[in-house]
Amino acid sequence: MVASLENKIGYQFSDPSLLESALRHRSIGSRHNERLEFLGDSVLGLAVSEALFERYPQASEGELTHLRARLVRQPTLASVARRIDLGRALKLGPSAGRSGGSDRASILADALEAVIAAVFLDTGFQRAKGVTLSLFAAEIAGLEDGVIEKDPKTQLQELLQATGSKPPDYEVTSTSGQPHEREFVVDCRIQSHGLVTTGQGGSRKVAEQEAAARALCELQEG
């Protein structure tokens, strides 16, 4: 599986132990991939930021930030990870394996960041950047020129401001799961419209965005 994964990412490791570490979920015990995930998040962010900076020379800082968020958010990372069949190469503990961890978006996203970090440590930033942009080529190409899509929370707040309504309140109503696979449930409350929508995700931020997206749909359809 490791050789197959190297073929799919277009990079063969000089130090295979780096890739092996990147594929070890924390549920398996020691030598897991969380430190690599931390580093990979920064490598990914810089590679994508530089690519967007060059692709959109007229975009403002805020617009570039929104575009980057679309590329590095958990669902996008998980989609890229599934395309290279990363889940099959992961090393998971028994509980995570039985609960479908190899296809869980949060686990796949974290592992992809860890793999990017492993490439960076094996060869340096320029090669890691090339691998990253190759992996995300379809997603980058899918960004429509001249169209900067704002995230749901921003869209919702601007819609409410335009009608003189107060901004929404977000409240975490429950959390569940083990520390390495936490799930958050968040309510989005819009008092002026008597509307409450709920979102769920592997982080509070993801859950808030889902709740905001549902509120947007309710208001726009209403």
Protein backbone atom coordinates (compact mmCIF):
# COMPACT_ATOMS: atom_id res chain seq x y z
CA MET A 1 0.00 0.00 0.00
CA VAL A 2 2.89 2.38 0.73
CA ALA A 3 4.34 1.95 -2.77
CA SER A 4 0.90 2.48 -4.28
CA LEU A 5 0.44 5.65 -2.26
CA GLU A 6 3.84 6.96 -3.36
CA ASN A 7 2.80 6.43 -6.98
CA LYS A 8 -0.44 8.30 -6.44
CA ILE A 9 1.20 11.33 -4.83
CA GLY A 10 4.03 11.30 -7.36
CA TYR A 11 6.83 11.11 -4.84
CA GLN A 12 9.13 8.31 -3.62
CA PHE A 13 10.55 8.80 -0.14
CA SER A 14 14.27 8.65 0.57
CA ASP A 15 13.35 7.96 4.20
CA PRO A 16 10.32 5.61 4.16
CA SER A 17 9.95 5.89 7.94
CA LEU A 18 8.63 9.44 7.48
CA LEU A 19 5.70 8.20 5.41
CA GLU A 20 5.12 5.34 7.83
CA SER A 21 4.87 7.83 10.70
CA ALA A 22 2.48 10.01 8.71
CA LEU A 23 0.13 7.06 8.27
CA ARG A 24 -0.08 6.16 11.98
CA HIS A 25 -3.23 7.49 13.62
CA ARG A 26 -3.03 8.31 17.33
CA SER A 27 -5.40 5.43 18.11
CA ILE A 28 -2.58 3.02 17.34
CA GLY A 29 -0.43 4.32 20.18
CA SER A 30 3.01 5.90 20.16
CA ARG A 31 4.73 7.34 17.08
CA HIS A 32 1.46 8.70 15.73
CA ASN A 33 1.09 11.43 13.12
CA GLU A 34 -0.11 14.44 15.15
CA ARG A 35 3.24 16.28 15.15
CA LEU A 36 3.49 15.79 11.39
CA GLU A 37 -0.09 16.99 11.02
CA PHE A 38 0.85 20.22 12.84
CA LEU A 39 3.75 20.84 10.47
CA GLY A 40 1.81 19.78 7.37
CA ASP A 41 -0.92 22.30 8.10
CA SER A 42 1.64 25.10 7.74
CA VAL A 43 3.32 23.63 4.66
CA LEU A 44 -0.06 23.19 2.97
CA GLY A 45 -1.15 26.71 3.92
CA LEU A 46 2.01 28.29 2.53
CA ALA A 47 1.96 26.27 -0.71
CA VAL A 48 -1.69 27.12 -1.36
CA SER A 49 -1.26 30.76 -0.34
CA GLU A 50 1.62 31.24 -2.77
CA ALA A 51 -0.32 29.58 -5.59
CA LEU A 52 -3.37 31.78 -4.99
CA PHE A 53 -1.22 34.90 -4.67
CA GLU A 54 0.14 34.21 -8.16
CA ARG A 55 -3.18 33.07 -9.66
CA TYR A 56 -5.23 36.05 -8.45
CA PRO A 57 -2.99 39.16 -8.71
CA GLN A 58 -5.93 41.56 -8.22
CA ALA A 59 -7.51 39.80 -5.24
CA SER A 60 -7.50 41.49 -1.85
CA GLU A 61 -6.14 39.91 1.31
CA GLY A 62 -9.67 39.04 2.44
CA GLU A 63 -10.54 37.46 -0.91
CA LEU A 64 -7.36 35.38 -0.89
CA THR A 65 -8.14 34.26 2.65
CA HIS A 66 -11.60 33.04 1.59
CA LEU A 67 -10.16 31.16 -1.38
CA ARG A 68 -7.51 29.52 0.77
CA ALA A 69 -10.17 28.50 3.29
CA ARG A 70 -12.07 26.71 0.53
CA LEU A 71 -8.99 24.68 -0.35
CA VAL A 72 -7.70 23.78 3.12
CA ARG A 73 -11.01 23.06 4.85
CA GLN A 74 -11.65 19.57 6.14
CA PRO A 75 -14.12 18.40 3.42
CA THR A 76 -11.70 19.40 0.64
CA LEU A 77 -8.76 17.68 2.33
CA ALA A 78 -10.83 14.54 2.84
CA SER A 79 -11.89 14.58 -0.81
CA VAL A 80 -8.27 14.77 -1.96
CA ALA A 81 -7.33 12.01 0.49
CA ARG A 82 -10.08 9.74 -0.86
CA ARG A 83 -8.95 10.38 -4.43
CA ILE A 84 -5.51 8.95 -3.62
CA ASP A 85 -7.06 6.15 -1.55
CA LEU A 86 -5.21 7.35 1.56
CA GLY A 87 -7.62 5.58 3.91
CA ARG A 88 -6.44 2.12 2.81
CA ALA A 89 -2.87 2.96 3.81
CA LEU A 90 -3.68 4.29 7.29
CA LYS A 91 -2.68 2.43 10.44
CA LEU A 92 -5.55 2.60 12.93
CA GLY A 93 -6.20 1.15 16.36
CA PRO A 94 -8.97 -1.46 16.72
CA SER A 95 -11.67 0.96 17.92
CA ALA A 96 -10.99 3.56 15.23
CA GLY A 97 -10.84 0.85 12.59
CA ARG A 98 -14.15 -0.70 13.61
CA SER A 99 -15.89 2.68 13.64
CA GLY A 100 -14.99 3.43 10.01
CA GLY A 101 -12.03 5.67 10.81
CA SER A 102 -10.33 4.97 7.50
CA ASP A 103 -13.05 6.98 5.75
CA ARG A 104 -13.72 9.58 8.46
CA ALA A 105 -13.20 13.09 7.07
CA SER A 106 -11.31 14.39 10.10
CA ILE A 107 -8.88 11.44 10.15
CA LEU A 108 -8.30 11.60 6.39
CA ALA A 109 -7.73 15.37 6.46
CA ASP A 110 -5.24 15.11 9.31
CA ALA A 111 -3.39 12.25 7.63
CA LEU A 112 -3.11 14.15 4.36
CA GLU A 113 -1.49 17.06 6.19
CA ALA A 114 0.89 14.60 7.86
CA VAL A 115 1.87 13.13 4.48
CA ILE A 116 2.59 16.62 3.14
CA ALA A 117 4.80 17.27 6.17
CA ALA A 118 6.61 13.99 5.58
CA VAL A 119 7.42 15.06 2.02
CA PHE A 120 8.63 18.41 3.32
CA LEU A 121 10.98 16.78 5.86
CA ASP A 122 12.25 14.31 3.26
CA THR A 123 13.03 16.82 0.53
CA GLY A 124 12.32 20.48 1.46
CA PHE A 125 9.64 23.03 0.69
CA GLN A 126 9.90 23.37 -3.10
CA ARG A 127 9.34 19.67 -3.74
CA ALA A 128 6.64 19.52 -1.07
CA LYS A 129 4.94 22.48 -2.70
CA GLY A 130 4.99 20.71 -6.06
CA VAL A 131 3.46 17.57 -4.60
CA THR A 132 0.82 19.60 -2.76
CA LEU A 133 -0.23 21.63 -5.79
CA SER A 134 -0.37 18.47 -7.90
CA LEU A 135 -2.68 16.86 -5.34
CA PHE A 136 -4.92 19.93 -5.25
CA ALA A 137 -4.77 20.71 -8.98
CA ALA A 138 -8.43 19.86 -9.61
CA GLU A 139 -9.60 21.91 -6.63
CA ILE A 140 -7.50 24.92 -7.63
CA ALA A 141 -8.71 24.67 -11.23
CA GLY A 142 -12.28 24.56 -9.90
CA LEU A 143 -11.97 28.02 -8.40
CA GLU A 144 -13.76 30.28 -10.84
CA ASP A 145 -11.72 33.27 -11.92
CA GLY A 146 -13.13 36.49 -10.54
CA VAL A 147 -15.55 34.74 -8.22
CA ILE A 148 -14.64 34.89 -4.53
CA GLU A 149 -17.05 32.78 -2.57
CA LYS A 150 -17.46 33.85 1.03
CA ASP A 151 -17.91 31.25 3.73
CA PRO A 152 -21.46 30.63 5.04
CA LYS A 153 -20.91 32.46 8.36
CA THR A 154 -19.77 35.59 6.53
CA GLN A 155 -22.61 35.39 4.01
CA LEU A 156 -25.17 34.96 6.79
CA GLN A 157 -23.84 37.88 8.81
CA GLU A 158 -23.83 40.18 5.76
CA LEU A 159 -27.38 39.14 4.86
CA LEU A 160 -28.63 39.94 8.37
CA GLN A 161 -26.75 43.24 8.47
CA ALA A 162 -28.34 44.25 5.17
CA THR A 163 -31.80 43.86 6.73
CA GLY A 164 -30.88 45.58 10.00
CA SER A 165 -31.01 42.34 11.98
CA LYS A 166 -28.66 41.36 14.78
CA PRO A 167 -25.90 38.83 13.98
CA PRO A 168 -26.56 35.18 14.84
CA ASP A 169 -25.53 33.51 18.07
CA TYR A 170 -23.62 30.22 17.94
CA GLU A 171 -23.76 27.76 20.83
CA VAL A 172 -22.12 24.36 21.24
CA THR A 173 -24.95 22.12 22.43
CA SER A 174 -23.02 18.85 22.70
CA THR A 175 -19.72 17.12 22.07
CA SER A 176 -19.09 13.40 21.73
CA GLY A 177 -16.43 10.89 20.83
CA GLN A 178 -12.85 10.27 21.90
CA PRO A 179 -10.39 13.20 22.03
CA HIS A 180 -8.88 12.20 18.68
CA GLU A 181 -12.26 11.93 16.95
CA ARG A 182 -14.44 14.55 18.63
CA GLU A 183 -17.76 15.57 17.10
CA PHE A 184 -19.33 18.96 17.83
CA VAL A 185 -22.99 19.95 17.54
CA VAL A 186 -23.65 23.68 17.26
CA ASP A 187 -26.89 25.68 17.14
CA CYS A 188 -27.15 28.88 15.11
CA ARG A 189 -29.84 31.16 16.58
CA ILE A 190 -31.28 34.15 14.74
CA GLN A 191 -33.58 35.85 17.21
CA SER A 192 -35.06 38.34 14.76
CA HIS A 193 -36.41 35.50 12.61
CA GLY A 194 -37.11 32.96 15.36
CA LEU A 195 -34.84 30.57 13.52
CA VAL A 196 -32.57 27.87 14.96
CA THR A 197 -30.47 25.60 12.75
CA THR A 198 -27.98 22.92 13.74
CA GLY A 199 -24.61 21.88 12.35
CA GLN A 200 -22.27 19.03 13.17
CA GLY A 201 -18.57 18.49 12.48
CA GLY A 202 -15.17 17.40 13.67
CA SER A 203 -14.43 20.88 15.02
CA ARG A 204 -16.48 23.75 16.39
CA LYS A 205 -15.59 25.83 13.34
CA VAL A 206 -16.84 23.20 10.91
CA ALA A 207 -20.07 22.73 12.86
CA GLU A 208 -20.69 26.50 12.97
CA GLN A 209 -20.21 26.78 9.20
CA GLU A 210 -22.69 23.95 8.60
CA ALA A 211 -25.26 25.55 10.89
CA ALA A 212 -24.78 28.90 9.14
CA ALA A 213 -25.18 27.28 5.72
CA ARG A 214 -28.49 25.75 6.79
CA ALA A 215 -29.68 29.09 8.14
CA LEU A 216 -28.79 30.73 4.84
CA CYS A 217 -30.87 28.17 2.95
CA GLU A 218 -33.84 28.72 5.27
CA LEU A 219 -33.71 32.51 4.90
CA GLN A 220 -33.15 32.49 1.14
CA GLU A 221 -35.91 29.97 0.50
CA GLY A 222 -38.26 31.72 2.88
